[in-house]
Protein backbone atom coordinates (compact mmCIF):
# COMPACT_ATOMS: atom_id res chain seq x y z
CA UNK A 1 16.35 -7.89 13.77
CA UNK A 2 13.28 -7.81 11.56
CA UNK A 3 10.66 -5.28 12.55
CA UNK A 4 7.11 -6.05 11.53
CA UNK A 5 5.49 -3.51 9.24
CA UNK A 6 1.90 -3.50 8.03
CA UNK A 7 0.56 -1.15 5.37
CA UNK A 8 -2.87 -0.89 3.82
CA UNK A 9 -4.72 1.31 1.35
CA UNK A 10 -8.30 2.50 1.52
CA UNK A 11 -11.07 0.61 -0.22
CA UNK A 12 -12.14 2.32 -3.47
CA UNK A 13 -15.84 3.03 -3.11
CA UNK A 14 -18.19 2.65 -6.07
CA UNK A 15 -20.08 5.90 -5.55
CA UNK A 16 -17.96 7.60 -8.23
CA UNK A 17 -15.82 6.77 -11.24
CA UNK A 18 -12.23 5.60 -10.66
CA UNK A 19 -9.67 8.38 -10.93
CA UNK A 20 -5.93 9.00 -10.68
CA UNK A 21 -6.18 9.45 -6.90
CA UNK A 22 -6.99 5.77 -6.48
CA UNK A 23 -3.93 4.72 -8.47
CA UNK A 24 -1.76 7.22 -6.61
CA UNK A 25 -2.70 5.73 -3.25
CA UNK A 26 -1.96 2.16 -4.40
CA UNK A 27 1.39 3.16 -5.91
CA UNK A 28 2.39 5.05 -2.75
CA UNK A 29 1.53 2.03 -0.59
CA UNK A 30 3.59 -0.23 -2.87
CA UNK A 31 6.60 2.12 -2.84
CA UNK A 32 6.55 2.36 0.96
CA UNK A 33 6.25 -1.43 1.28
CA UNK A 34 9.17 -2.03 -1.08
CA UNK A 35 11.28 0.53 0.79
CA UNK A 36 10.69 -1.23 4.11
CA UNK A 37 11.43 -4.59 2.49
CA UNK A 38 14.81 -3.27 1.34
CA UNK A 39 15.49 -2.16 4.93
CA UNK A 40 14.81 -5.71 6.11
CA UNK A 41 11.37 -5.31 7.64
CA UNK A 42 8.93 -8.20 7.78
CA UNK A 43 6.24 -6.44 5.77
CA UNK A 44 2.64 -7.21 5.05
CA UNK A 45 0.70 -5.23 2.46
CA UNK A 46 -3.03 -5.27 1.92
CA UNK A 47 -4.19 -3.35 -1.12
CA UNK A 48 -7.81 -3.94 -2.09
CA UNK A 49 -7.82 -4.30 -5.87
């Protein structure tokens, strides 16, 4: 049985320069999505890049 799984990351705002925290959030979202895909979940990922 495939469970549906949806993950998203926050929108990077332009009120400051990009920093490592932005990349960290996107990488964490990707790792979690790949983990759930390996477990057989029907995943959707929305990362605003």
